[in-house]
Protein backbone atom coordinates (compact mmCIF):
# COMPACT_ATOMS: atom_id res chain seq x y z
CA MET A 1 137.93 46.20 18.54
CA SER A 2 140.26 49.04 19.49
CA TYR A 3 139.09 49.25 23.10
CA LYS A 4 137.74 47.21 25.98
CA ILE A 5 135.13 48.17 28.56
CA ASP A 6 134.82 46.31 31.85
CA LEU A 7 132.40 47.07 34.68
CA ILE A 8 133.06 45.25 37.95
CA ASP A 9 131.65 46.30 41.33
CA GLY A 10 130.99 49.86 40.22
CA ILE A 11 134.44 50.34 38.66
CA LEU A 12 134.25 50.95 34.91
CA THR A 13 137.60 50.44 33.20
CA PHE A 14 138.13 51.73 29.68
CA THR A 15 141.23 50.24 28.06
CA ILE A 16 142.63 51.58 24.80
CA ASP A 17 143.49 48.28 23.14
CA ARG A 18 145.86 49.16 20.30
CA GLU A 19 149.13 47.99 21.77
CA GLU A 20 150.74 47.61 18.34
CA LYS A 21 150.02 51.32 17.74
CA ARG A 22 151.17 52.39 21.21
CA ASN A 23 147.48 52.78 22.03
CA ALA A 24 147.05 55.71 19.67
CA VAL A 25 143.54 57.13 19.37
CA ASN A 26 141.55 56.55 16.20
CA ASP A 27 137.88 57.09 15.40
CA GLU A 28 136.88 53.77 16.94
CA VAL A 29 138.55 54.68 20.24
CA MET A 30 136.81 58.05 20.19
CA ASN A 31 133.47 56.32 19.72
CA GLY A 32 134.34 53.98 22.59
CA PHE A 33 134.92 56.94 24.89
CA LYS A 34 131.59 58.38 23.79
CA GLU A 35 129.90 55.05 24.59
CA VAL A 36 131.34 55.17 28.12
CA VAL A 37 130.20 58.76 28.69
CA THR A 38 126.67 57.94 27.56
CA TYR A 39 126.50 54.85 29.77
CA ILE A 40 127.68 56.66 32.90
CA ASN A 41 125.29 59.56 32.35
CA GLU A 42 122.33 57.21 31.83
CA ASN A 43 123.06 54.69 34.60
CA ASN A 44 123.82 54.97 38.30
CA ASP A 45 125.84 51.77 38.75
CA VAL A 46 129.25 53.33 38.00
CA ARG A 47 131.22 54.73 40.94
CA PHE A 48 134.62 55.24 39.27
CA LEU A 49 135.91 55.56 35.72
CA ILE A 50 139.41 54.20 35.10
CA ILE A 51 141.18 54.94 31.79
CA THR A 52 144.26 52.91 30.90
CA GLY A 53 146.12 51.36 28.00
CA ALA A 54 146.80 47.79 26.94
CA GLY A 55 150.19 46.28 27.76
CA ASP A 56 152.90 47.94 29.81
CA LYS A 57 154.65 50.15 27.24
CA ALA A 58 152.15 52.89 26.47
CA PHE A 59 149.13 54.51 28.09
CA CYS A 60 148.37 56.46 24.95
CA SER A 61 150.58 58.05 22.29
CA GLY A 62 147.93 60.58 21.23
CA GLY A 63 146.13 60.70 17.93
CA ASP A 64 147.03 58.07 15.33
CA LEU A 65 148.99 60.12 12.81
CA SER A 66 148.93 57.27 10.30
CA GLU A 67 145.19 57.93 10.06
CA PHE A 68 144.90 61.63 10.84
CA HIS A 69 147.73 62.78 8.52
CA LYS A 70 145.14 62.71 5.74
CA LEU A 71 143.57 65.79 7.36
CA ARG A 72 145.29 68.74 5.69
CA THR A 73 143.13 71.84 6.02
CA GLU A 74 142.18 73.80 9.11
CA GLN A 75 138.55 72.81 8.62
CA GLU A 76 139.34 69.11 8.28
CA ALA A 77 141.55 69.19 11.36
CA PHE A 78 138.94 71.05 13.39
CA GLY A 79 136.41 68.30 12.68
CA MET A 80 138.62 65.62 14.25
CA LEU A 81 140.02 67.81 17.03
CA SER A 82 136.64 69.14 18.11
CA LYS A 83 135.10 65.65 18.12
CA MET A 84 137.69 64.36 20.58
CA GLY A 85 137.83 67.67 22.42
CA LYS A 86 134.10 67.57 23.13
CA ILE A 87 134.29 63.93 24.21
CA LEU A 88 137.18 64.71 26.54
CA TYR A 89 135.22 67.60 28.04
CA GLU A 90 132.32 65.22 28.65
CA ILE A 91 134.71 62.82 30.37
CA SER A 92 136.18 65.60 32.50
CA THR A 93 132.71 66.72 33.62
CA LEU A 94 131.34 63.29 34.55
CA PRO A 95 129.76 63.14 38.02
CA VAL A 96 132.04 60.30 39.16
CA PRO A 97 135.77 60.37 40.01
CA THR A 98 137.90 59.73 36.92
CA ILE A 99 141.36 58.18 37.19
CA ALA A 100 144.05 57.86 34.53
CA LEU A 101 145.94 54.64 35.26
CA ILE A 102 149.10 55.45 33.34
CA ASN A 103 150.69 52.07 32.68
CA GLY A 104 153.30 53.41 30.25
CA THR A 105 154.25 56.37 28.10
CA ALA A 106 151.63 59.11 27.76
CA VAL A 107 152.50 61.73 25.16
CA GLY A 108 150.67 64.33 23.11
CA GLY A 109 146.97 63.63 23.16
CA GLY A 110 147.60 60.83 25.64
CA CYS A 111 148.84 63.42 28.10
CA GLU A 112 145.72 65.49 27.39
CA ILE A 113 143.45 62.54 28.20
CA ALA A 114 145.29 61.94 31.47
CA THR A 115 145.21 65.63 32.42
CA ALA A 116 141.45 65.78 31.88
CA CYS A 117 140.98 63.09 34.53
CA ASP A 118 140.63 63.96 38.22
CA PHE A 119 143.61 61.83 39.26
CA ARG A 120 146.72 60.40 37.59
CA LEU A 121 148.49 57.25 38.81
CA VAL A 122 151.79 56.93 36.97
CA ALA A 123 153.91 53.79 36.60
CA LYS A 124 157.44 54.27 37.94
CA ASP A 125 159.12 53.83 34.55
CA ALA A 126 156.57 55.82 32.53
CA LYS A 127 157.39 59.09 30.80
CA CYS A 128 154.75 61.68 30.01
CA GLY A 129 154.72 64.96 28.17
CA PHE A 130 152.94 67.46 25.95
CA ILE A 131 155.18 66.89 22.92
CA GLN A 132 152.81 68.48 20.40
CA GLY A 133 155.22 71.37 19.88
CA THR A 134 157.71 69.02 18.21
CA LEU A 135 155.08 68.50 15.51
CA GLY A 136 154.50 72.20 14.98
CA ILE A 137 151.12 72.30 16.74
CA THR A 138 149.69 72.97 20.19
CA SER A 139 147.58 70.68 22.34
CA GLY A 140 144.34 70.25 20.41
CA TRP A 141 141.86 68.34 22.59
CA GLY A 142 141.67 70.83 25.45
CA GLY A 143 144.55 69.40 27.46
CA GLY A 144 146.44 72.67 27.66
CA THR A 145 143.44 74.34 29.26
CA TYR A 146 143.00 71.53 31.79
CA LEU A 147 146.72 71.65 32.58
CA ILE A 148 146.78 75.40 33.19
CA GLU A 149 143.69 75.06 35.40
CA SER A 150 145.19 72.14 37.37
CA GLY A 151 147.22 74.29 39.72
CA LEU A 152 150.64 72.74 39.18
CA LYS A 153 153.45 74.07 41.34
CA GLN A 154 155.12 77.31 40.23
CA ASP A 155 155.03 77.79 36.47
CA PHE A 156 155.20 74.13 35.53
CA ALA A 157 151.90 74.04 33.65
CA LEU A 158 153.22 76.46 31.06
CA LYS A 159 156.68 74.88 31.17
CA MET A 160 155.27 71.42 30.39
CA LEU A 161 153.61 72.89 27.32
CA VAL A 162 156.51 74.94 25.99
CA ASP A 163 159.17 72.31 26.79
CA SER A 164 157.44 69.86 24.41
CA CYS A 165 159.36 66.98 25.97
CA THR A 166 158.69 64.05 28.29
CA TYR A 167 159.19 64.06 32.07
CA ASP A 168 159.95 61.02 34.22
CA SER A 169 157.55 59.90 36.94
CA ASP A 170 159.53 61.42 39.81
CA LYS A 171 159.48 64.85 38.16
CA LEU A 172 155.78 64.51 37.37
CA TYR A 173 155.09 63.79 41.04
CA GLU A 174 157.35 66.63 42.18
CA ILE A 175 155.49 69.24 40.14
CA GLY A 176 152.07 67.87 41.10
CA TRP A 177 150.90 66.38 37.80
CA ALA A 178 151.13 62.79 39.03
CA THR A 179 148.82 62.09 41.96
CA ARG A 180 150.79 58.97 42.84
CA VAL A 181 153.66 56.92 41.38
CA PHE A 182 153.42 53.12 41.54
CA ASP A 183 155.84 50.26 40.92
CA ARG A 184 153.47 47.36 41.59
CA PRO A 185 150.86 45.74 39.31
CA LYS A 186 148.48 48.44 38.13
CA GLU A 187 145.45 46.51 39.39
CA GLN A 188 146.90 46.60 42.89
CA ALA A 189 147.80 50.27 42.57
CA ILE A 190 144.26 51.30 41.62
CA GLU A 191 142.69 49.15 44.35
CA GLU A 192 144.88 50.77 46.99
CA PHE A 193 144.19 54.25 45.64
CA ILE A 194 140.39 53.98 45.76
CA SER A 195 140.17 51.89 48.96
CA ASN A 196 139.10 54.85 51.10
CA MET A 197 136.94 56.39 48.38
CA LYS A 198 134.91 53.19 48.13
CA LYS A 199 133.80 53.66 51.75
CA VAL A 200 132.15 56.99 50.91
CA HIS A 201 128.59 57.20 49.53
CA PRO A 202 128.52 58.02 45.79
CA ASP A 203 126.26 61.04 46.43
CA VAL A 204 129.14 62.63 48.33
CA HIS A 205 131.44 62.13 45.35
CA HIS A 206 128.84 63.64 43.04
CA ALA A 207 128.49 66.67 45.31
CA TYR A 208 132.22 67.31 45.37
CA LYS A 209 132.49 66.90 41.61
CA GLU A 210 129.68 69.43 41.23
CA MET A 211 131.74 71.94 43.24
CA LYS A 212 134.59 71.52 40.78
CA LEU A 213 132.31 71.75 37.76
CA ARG A 214 130.56 74.84 39.09
CA SER A 215 133.94 76.56 39.22
CA TRP A 216 134.67 75.43 35.67
CA ARG A 217 131.38 76.81 34.40
CA GLU A 218 132.13 80.16 36.02
CA LYS A 219 135.51 80.16 34.27
CA ASN A 220 133.98 79.26 30.90
CA MET A 221 136.07 76.11 30.61
CA PHE A 222 134.21 74.76 27.58
CA GLY A 223 134.63 78.00 25.67
CA ARG A 224 138.33 78.05 26.51
CA VAL A 225 138.72 74.45 25.39
CA MET A 226 137.11 75.24 22.05
CA GLU A 227 139.39 78.24 21.55
CA GLU A 228 142.38 75.97 22.20
CA ILE A 229 141.09 73.54 19.59
CA LYS A 230 140.65 76.34 17.03
CA LEU A 231 144.26 77.45 17.53
CA CYS A 232 145.53 73.92 17.00
CA ALA A 233 143.43 73.54 13.85
CA LYS A 234 145.02 76.69 12.39
CA LEU A 235 148.51 75.34 13.03
CA TRP A 236 147.54 71.92 11.65
CA GLU A 237 147.62 73.12 8.04
CA SER A 238 150.97 74.91 8.48
CA ASP A 239 154.04 73.74 6.55
CA ALA A 240 155.85 73.14 9.85
CA HIS A 241 153.24 70.62 10.98
CA ILE A 242 152.93 68.88 7.62
CA GLN A 243 156.69 68.49 7.35
CA ALA A 244 157.02 67.24 10.94
CA VAL A 245 154.29 64.63 10.42
CA ASN A 246 155.91 63.44 7.19
CA ARG A 247 159.25 63.05 8.98
CA PHE A 248 157.55 61.10 11.77
CA LEU A 249 155.72 58.78 9.38
CA ASN A 250 158.82 58.19 7.26
CA LYS A 251 160.79 57.34 10.40
CA SER A 252 158.04 54.98 11.59
CA ASN A 253 157.96 53.17 8.24
CA ASN A 254 161.72 52.62 8.12
């Protein structure tokens, strides 16, 4: 199994469990996310959703290129991108607080997953970034839209995207992407972070999330996410992307 789901005292933790692949997302992980979304929407025993990765090296390295490199055309790419993009939108619009517990490197799609969450707790030695540009594509799961809407300081939302590099945890906190930086065990970090939230009735959390989601609906967030995905799909079949992926896979196999 490529993921683990644990529900303890109202805290549902989804762990991408592909440590040997730097917790890259494949179809099974996507289906796991979908399972979590369905469960939370159909049950009222979840107060918080925590997303994290196995081990201490990587939160998520994005889509698994060793699997998705087989997608060559714009149409093929759109199928995969829109599947995860829709799932990520469902995660971002859940009625409960969502927290990315970033235990290690979060790049590409991993950064998109984290950005779609309400809060981001980042390990001190973790590096995160929207590196999609180095592969000749844009963010393709909606993460660019969530980032631009997140209200980062100054022009850093756009700069994170166009830099296409990783930032260290101190810089991520400085610009407002990281909610908190931690250097203790991640279980302790999350417990401390939600300690006050746990004292508040879940209906209050739902009401505040609805305020956020109402604003998103007025701004046509879903439509904007889908336009982002379409742009990425067009770039996916470009020579620049195909060549970059081939270089990456050849490097990984050597």
